[in-house]
C-alpha atoms as a PDB file:
ATOM      1  CA  MET A   1      14.093  -6.316  48.226  1.00  0.00           C
ATOM      2  CA  GLY A   2      15.239  -3.873  50.973  1.00  0.00           C
ATOM      3  CA  ALA A   3      13.377  -1.792  53.609  1.00  0.00           C
ATOM      4  CA  MET A   4      12.236   0.619  50.995  1.00  0.00           C
ATOM      5  CA  SER A   5       9.933  -1.878  49.237  1.00  0.00           C
ATOM      6  CA  MET A   6       8.579  -3.044  52.497  1.00  0.00           C
ATOM      7  CA  SER A   7       7.679   0.648  53.619  1.00  0.00           C
ATOM      8  CA  THR A   8       6.085   1.531  50.176  1.00  0.00           C
ATOM      9  CA  THR A   9       2.341   0.764  50.356  1.00  0.00           C
ATOM     10  CA  THR A  10      -0.666   1.683  48.265  1.00  0.00           C
ATOM     11  CA  SER A  11      -4.517   1.396  48.447  1.00  0.00           C
ATOM     12  CA  TRP A  12      -6.266  -1.149  46.236  1.00  0.00           C
ATOM     13  CA  ALA A  13      -7.170   1.723  43.939  1.00  0.00           C
ATOM     14  CA  GLY A  14      -3.455   2.618  43.689  1.00  0.00           C
ATOM     15  CA  PHE A  15      -2.775  -0.936  42.510  1.00  0.00           C
ATOM     16  CA  GLN A  16      -5.772  -0.836  40.129  1.00  0.00           C
ATOM     17  CA  ALA A  17      -4.381   2.486  38.450  1.00  0.00           C
ATOM     18  CA  ALA A  18      -0.741   1.008  38.176  1.00  0.00           C
ATOM     19  CA  GLU A  19      -1.630  -2.470  36.902  1.00  0.00           C
ATOM     20  CA  PRO A  20      -5.350  -2.642  35.982  1.00  0.00           C
ATOM     21  CA  GLY A  21      -5.227  -6.071  34.430  1.00  0.00           C
ATOM     22  CA  PHE A  22      -3.387  -7.688  37.149  1.00  0.00           C
ATOM     23  CA  ALA A  23      -5.528  -6.016  39.705  1.00  0.00           C
ATOM     24  CA  ALA A  24      -8.805  -7.230  37.964  1.00  0.00           C
ATOM     25  CA  PHE A  25      -7.411 -10.806  37.824  1.00  0.00           C
ATOM     26  CA  ALA A  26      -6.450 -10.827  41.501  1.00  0.00           C
ATOM     27  CA  GLN A  27      -9.704  -9.309  42.656  1.00  0.00           C
ATOM     28  CA  GLY A  28     -11.562 -11.853  40.600  1.00  0.00           C
ATOM     29  CA  ARG A  29      -9.592 -14.673  42.313  1.00  0.00           C
ATOM     30  CA  PHE A  30     -10.566 -13.299  45.724  1.00  0.00           C
ATOM     31  CA  GLN A  31     -14.308 -12.773  44.631  1.00  0.00           C
ATOM     32  CA  GLY A  32     -14.639 -16.319  43.311  1.00  0.00           C
ATOM     33  CA  TYR A  33     -14.915 -17.728  46.819  1.00  0.00           C
ATOM     34  CA  ARG A  34     -16.106 -16.451  50.134  1.00  0.00           C
ATOM     35  CA  HIS A  35     -13.414 -17.640  52.517  1.00  0.00           C
ATOM     36  CA  HIS A  36      -9.679 -17.053  52.170  1.00  0.00           C
ATOM     37  CA  VAL A  37      -6.552 -17.651  54.563  1.00  0.00           C
ATOM     38  CA  LEU A  38      -5.117 -14.652  56.467  1.00  0.00           C
ATOM     39  CA  ALA A  39      -1.696 -14.819  57.980  1.00  0.00           C
ATOM     40  CA  THR A  40      -0.970 -12.507  60.921  1.00  0.00           C
ATOM     41  CA  LEU A  41       1.878 -12.504  63.405  1.00  0.00           C
ATOM     42  CA  ARG A  42       1.329 -13.644  67.045  1.00  0.00           C
ATOM     43  CA  GLN A  43       2.762 -11.808  70.012  1.00  0.00           C
ATOM     44  CA  ASP A  44       5.819 -14.106  69.960  1.00  0.00           C
ATOM     45  CA  GLY A  45       6.421 -13.445  66.327  1.00  0.00           C
ATOM     46  CA  SER A  46       5.223 -16.906  65.140  1.00  0.00           C
ATOM     47  CA  PRO A  47       2.560 -16.948  62.311  1.00  0.00           C
ATOM     48  CA  ARG A  48      -1.074 -17.386  62.794  1.00  0.00           C
ATOM     49  CA  VAL A  49      -3.386 -18.465  59.964  1.00  0.00           C
ATOM     50  CA  THR A  50      -7.150 -18.030  60.052  1.00  0.00           C
ATOM     51  CA  PRO A  51     -10.095 -17.977  57.637  1.00  0.00           C
ATOM     52  CA  LEU A  52     -11.310 -14.488  56.512  1.00  0.00           C
ATOM     53  CA  GLU A  53     -13.747 -12.896  54.232  1.00  0.00           C
ATOM     54  CA  VAL A  54     -12.558  -9.925  52.145  1.00  0.00           C
ATOM     55  CA  ASP A  55     -14.452  -7.103  50.487  1.00  0.00           C
ATOM     56  CA  PHE A  56     -13.456  -4.854  47.649  1.00  0.00           C
ATOM     57  CA  ARG A  57     -15.314  -1.460  47.495  1.00  0.00           C
ATOM     58  CA  PHE A  58     -14.635   2.230  47.599  1.00  0.00           C
ATOM     59  CA  GLY A  59     -11.311   1.700  45.976  1.00  0.00           C
ATOM     60  CA  GLU A  60     -10.065  -0.415  48.947  1.00  0.00           C
ATOM     61  CA  LEU A  61      -9.502  -4.049  50.120  1.00  0.00           C
ATOM     62  CA  TRP A  62     -11.302  -4.503  53.426  1.00  0.00           C
ATOM     63  CA  LEU A  63     -10.666  -7.086  56.080  1.00  0.00           C
ATOM     64  CA  GLY A  64     -13.592  -7.479  58.475  1.00  0.00           C
ATOM     65  CA  MET A  65     -13.516  -9.638  61.599  1.00  0.00           C
ATOM     66  CA  MET A  66     -15.122 -10.140  65.028  1.00  0.00           C
ATOM     67  CA  PRO A  67     -14.063  -7.515  67.532  1.00  0.00           C
ATOM     68  CA  ASP A  68     -11.061  -8.425  69.516  1.00  0.00           C
ATOM     69  CA  SER A  69     -10.676 -11.710  67.738  1.00  0.00           C
ATOM     70  CA  ARG A  70      -7.073 -13.193  67.947  1.00  0.00           C
ATOM     71  CA  LYS A  71      -6.468 -11.957  64.360  1.00  0.00           C
ATOM     72  CA  ALA A  72      -7.680  -8.437  65.098  1.00  0.00           C
ATOM     73  CA  LEU A  73      -5.508  -8.305  68.201  1.00  0.00           C
ATOM     74  CA  ASP A  74      -2.513  -9.536  66.062  1.00  0.00           C
ATOM     75  CA  LEU A  75      -3.228  -6.766  63.428  1.00  0.00           C
ATOM     76  CA  ARG A  76      -3.440  -4.085  66.194  1.00  0.00           C
ATOM     77  CA  ARG A  77      -0.038  -5.148  67.575  1.00  0.00           C
ATOM     78  CA  ASP A  78       1.661  -5.706  64.279  1.00  0.00           C
ATOM     79  CA  SER A  79      -0.198  -4.551  61.186  1.00  0.00           C
ATOM     80  CA  ARG A  80       1.718  -6.831  58.661  1.00  0.00           C
ATOM     81  CA  PHE A  81      -0.393  -9.435  57.009  1.00  0.00           C
ATOM     82  CA  SER A  82      -0.700 -11.780  54.029  1.00  0.00           C
ATOM     83  CA  ILE A  83      -3.925 -13.134  52.490  1.00  0.00           C
ATOM     84  CA  GLN A  84      -4.165 -16.004  50.129  1.00  0.00           C
ATOM     85  CA  ALA A  85      -6.947 -16.330  47.819  1.00  0.00           C
ATOM     86  CA  ASN A  86      -8.947 -19.608  48.185  1.00  0.00           C
ATOM     87  CA  PRO A  87      -7.339 -21.883  45.638  1.00  0.00           C
ATOM     88  CA  GLY A  88     -10.677 -23.438  44.521  1.00  0.00           C
ATOM     89  CA  PRO A  89     -12.666 -26.641  45.018  1.00  0.00           C
ATOM     90  CA  ASP A  90     -10.103 -29.176  43.833  1.00  0.00           C
ATOM     91  CA  ALA A  91      -6.332 -29.672  43.423  1.00  0.00           C
ATOM     92  CA  GLY A  92      -6.265 -28.367  39.877  1.00  0.00           C
ATOM     93  CA  MET A  93      -5.668 -24.605  40.658  1.00  0.00           C
ATOM     94  CA  ALA A  94      -6.215 -23.742  37.026  1.00  0.00           C
ATOM     95  CA  GLU A  95      -5.961 -20.105  37.594  1.00  0.00           C
ATOM     96  CA  GLY A  96      -3.084 -20.441  40.058  1.00  0.00           C
ATOM     97  CA  ASP A  97      -2.554 -18.907  43.446  1.00  0.00           C
ATOM     98  CA  VAL A  98      -2.976 -15.179  44.310  1.00  0.00           C
ATOM     99  CA  ARG A  99      -1.594 -13.658  47.502  1.00  0.00           C
ATOM    100  CA  VAL A 100      -1.835  -9.992  48.671  1.00  0.00           C
ATOM    101  CA  SER A 101       0.569  -8.730  51.520  1.00  0.00           C
ATOM    102  CA  GLY A 102       0.589  -5.373  53.254  1.00  0.00           C
ATOM    103  CA  ARG A 103      -0.316  -3.647  56.457  1.00  0.00           C
ATOM    104  CA  ALA A 104      -3.788  -3.454  58.005  1.00  0.00           C
ATOM    105  CA  VAL A 105      -4.989  -0.030  59.059  1.00  0.00           C
ATOM    106  CA  GLU A 106      -7.790  -0.301  61.651  1.00  0.00           C
ATOM    107  CA  VAL A 107     -10.901   1.802  60.665  1.00  0.00           C
ATOM    108  CA  THR A 108     -12.386   3.692  63.825  1.00  0.00           C
ATOM    109  CA  ASP A 109     -13.901   6.560  62.005  1.00  0.00           C
ATOM    110  CA  PRO A 110     -17.775   6.178  62.704  1.00  0.00           C
ATOM    111  CA  GLU A 111     -18.608   7.619  59.213  1.00  0.00           C
ATOM    112  CA  SER A 112     -16.490   5.133  57.433  1.00  0.00           C
ATOM    113  CA  LEU A 113     -17.788   2.213  59.567  1.00  0.00           C
ATOM    114  CA  THR A 114     -21.408   3.187  58.955  1.00  0.00           C
ATOM    115  CA  ARG A 115     -20.766   3.537  55.177  1.00  0.00           C
ATOM    116  CA  PHE A 116     -19.132   0.055  55.125  1.00  0.00           C
ATOM    117  CA  ALA A 117     -21.917  -1.506  57.213  1.00  0.00           C
ATOM    118  CA  GLU A 118     -24.674   0.055  55.068  1.00  0.00           C
ATOM    119  CA  ALA A 119     -23.023  -1.243  51.925  1.00  0.00           C
ATOM    120  CA  VAL A 120     -22.006  -4.805  53.072  1.00  0.00           C
ATOM    121  CA  ARG A 121     -24.335  -5.658  55.971  1.00  0.00           C
ATOM    122  CA  PRO A 122     -21.749  -7.593  57.804  1.00  0.00           C
ATOM    123  CA  PRO A 123     -22.555  -9.519  61.004  1.00  0.00           C
ATOM    124  CA  GLU A 124     -22.427  -6.974  63.997  1.00  0.00           C
ATOM    125  CA  PRO A 125     -20.479  -6.028  65.927  1.00  0.00           C
ATOM    126  CA  PHE A 126     -17.487  -6.117  63.563  1.00  0.00           C
ATOM    127  CA  GLN A 127     -13.931  -4.806  63.550  1.00  0.00           C
ATOM    128  CA  LEU A 128     -12.734  -3.284  60.274  1.00  0.00           C
ATOM    129  CA  PHE A 129      -9.279  -3.007  58.691  1.00  0.00           C
ATOM    130  CA  ARG A 130      -8.256  -1.306  55.435  1.00  0.00           C
ATOM    131  CA  ALA A 131      -5.443  -3.040  53.583  1.00  0.00           C
ATOM    132  CA  GLU A 132      -2.387  -0.991  52.484  1.00  0.00           C
ATOM    133  CA  VAL A 133      -0.860  -3.204  49.799  1.00  0.00           C
ATOM    134  CA  THR A 134       2.943  -3.870  49.837  1.00  0.00           C
ATOM    135  CA  GLU A 135       2.928  -6.942  47.345  1.00  0.00           C
ATOM    136  CA  VAL A 136       0.548  -8.830  45.077  1.00  0.00           C
ATOM    137  CA  VAL A 137       1.939 -12.290  43.752  1.00  0.00           C
ATOM    138  CA  HIS A 138       0.354 -14.700  41.343  1.00  0.00           C
ATOM    139  CA  THR A 139       1.900 -18.189  40.972  1.00  0.00           C
ATOM    140  CA  ALA A 140       0.717 -20.537  38.213  1.00  0.00           C
ATOM    141  CA  VAL A 141       1.872 -23.357  36.002  1.00  0.00           C
ATOM    142  CA  GLU A 142       2.018 -22.465  32.409  1.00  0.00           C
ATOM    143  CA  GLY A 143       2.989 -25.233  30.226  1.00  0.00           C
ATOM    144  CA  GLN A 144       6.139 -26.755  31.756  1.00  0.00           C
ATOM    145  CA  ASP A 145       6.929 -23.555  33.571  1.00  0.00           C
ATOM    146  CA  LEU A 146       6.244 -22.303  37.085  1.00  0.00           C
ATOM    147  CA  VAL A 147       5.485 -18.527  36.580  1.00  0.00           C
ATOM    148  CA  LEU A 148       5.495 -15.984  39.374  1.00  0.00           C
ATOM    149  CA  ARG A 149       4.147 -12.512  38.733  1.00  0.00           C
ATOM    150  CA  THR A 150       4.976 -10.065  41.467  1.00  0.00           C
ATOM    151  CA  TRP A 151       3.984  -6.471  41.741  1.00  0.00           C
ATOM    152  CA  ARG A 152       5.075  -3.941  44.414  1.00  0.00           C
ATOM    153  CA  PRO A 153       4.044  -0.228  44.636  1.00  0.00           C
ATOM    154  CA  GLY A 154       6.253   2.018  42.306  1.00  0.00           C
ATOM    155  CA  GLY A 155       7.415  -0.657  39.953  1.00  0.00           C
ATOM    156  CA  PRO A 156       6.255  -2.855  37.098  1.00  0.00           C
ATOM    157  CA  VAL A 157       5.034  -6.450  37.325  1.00  0.00           C
ATOM    158  CA  ARG A 158       8.154  -8.664  37.515  1.00  0.00           C
ATOM    159  CA  VAL A 159       7.733 -12.081  35.941  1.00  0.00           C
ATOM    160  CA  VAL A 160       9.942 -15.044  36.717  1.00  0.00           C
ATOM    161  CA  ARG A 161       9.712 -18.300  34.846  1.00  0.00           C
ATOM    162  CA  ARG A 162      11.116 -21.475  36.150  1.00  0.00           C
ATOM    163  CA  GLY A 163      11.428 -24.533  33.934  1.00  0.00           C
ATOM    164  CA  SER A 164      11.193 -28.135  34.888  1.00  0.00           C
ATOM    165  CA  ASP A 165      14.946 -28.531  33.830  1.00  0.00           C
ATOM    166  CA  ASP A 166      18.179 -27.222  35.399  1.00  0.00           C
ATOM    167  CA  SER A 167      18.166 -24.048  33.542  1.00  0.00           C
ATOM    168  CA  PRO A 168      18.156 -20.779  35.583  1.00  0.00           C
ATOM    169  CA  PRO A 169      14.905 -18.883  36.023  1.00  0.00           C
ATOM    170  CA  ARG A 170      14.010 -16.252  33.259  1.00  0.00           C
ATOM    171  CA  VAL A 171      13.086 -12.875  34.560  1.00  0.00           C
ATOM    172  CA  GLU A 172      10.874 -10.560  32.559  1.00  0.00           C
ATOM    173  CA  GLY A 173      10.337  -6.715  33.355  1.00  0.00           C
ATOM    174  CA  SER A 174       6.749  -5.997  32.950  1.00  0.00           C
ATOM    175  CA  GLU A 175       3.723  -7.771  31.645  1.00  0.00           C
ATOM    176  CA  GLN A 176       0.058  -6.813  31.471  1.00  0.00           C
ATOM    177  CA  ARG A 177      -2.472  -9.384  32.684  1.00  0.00           C
ATOM    178  CA  GLY A 178      -5.818  -9.207  31.131  1.00  0.00           C
END
């Protein structure tokens, strides 16, 4: 997609309102495990991947971390991120893979930080970012097909099915996940 799709963001609540079934599924994948993999961009533009815990509350997806950690410094410099849900304890990946991409907005408002700290009780001190979502992707194997479900703000879920043969991928417009 073009620059327009990259500039359009929404809160987690915006995603929930647009695609409630898909949002519930994605959130459930993240809540199934404590640690996930965060990708940020280093100063030279190369990728950095680090473990991270996420939190869903107050209609937002929160990224908390130690103050001035490398990932926090990366996000301050370039807010783009992608976080992949922990795939699970084995190689089965029965529910597939879920990834959320977007822009991280640092939270510096004392009232918001206190509200989060009282609700979550994170290790202190901590640095907090709120996710502005640009894309949610679910990749899974269904039968003989590799199925990619992609949602971006302002549009329906796009479903692409790729078979194990030489036939071209099949694209579907919108599908509710529930």
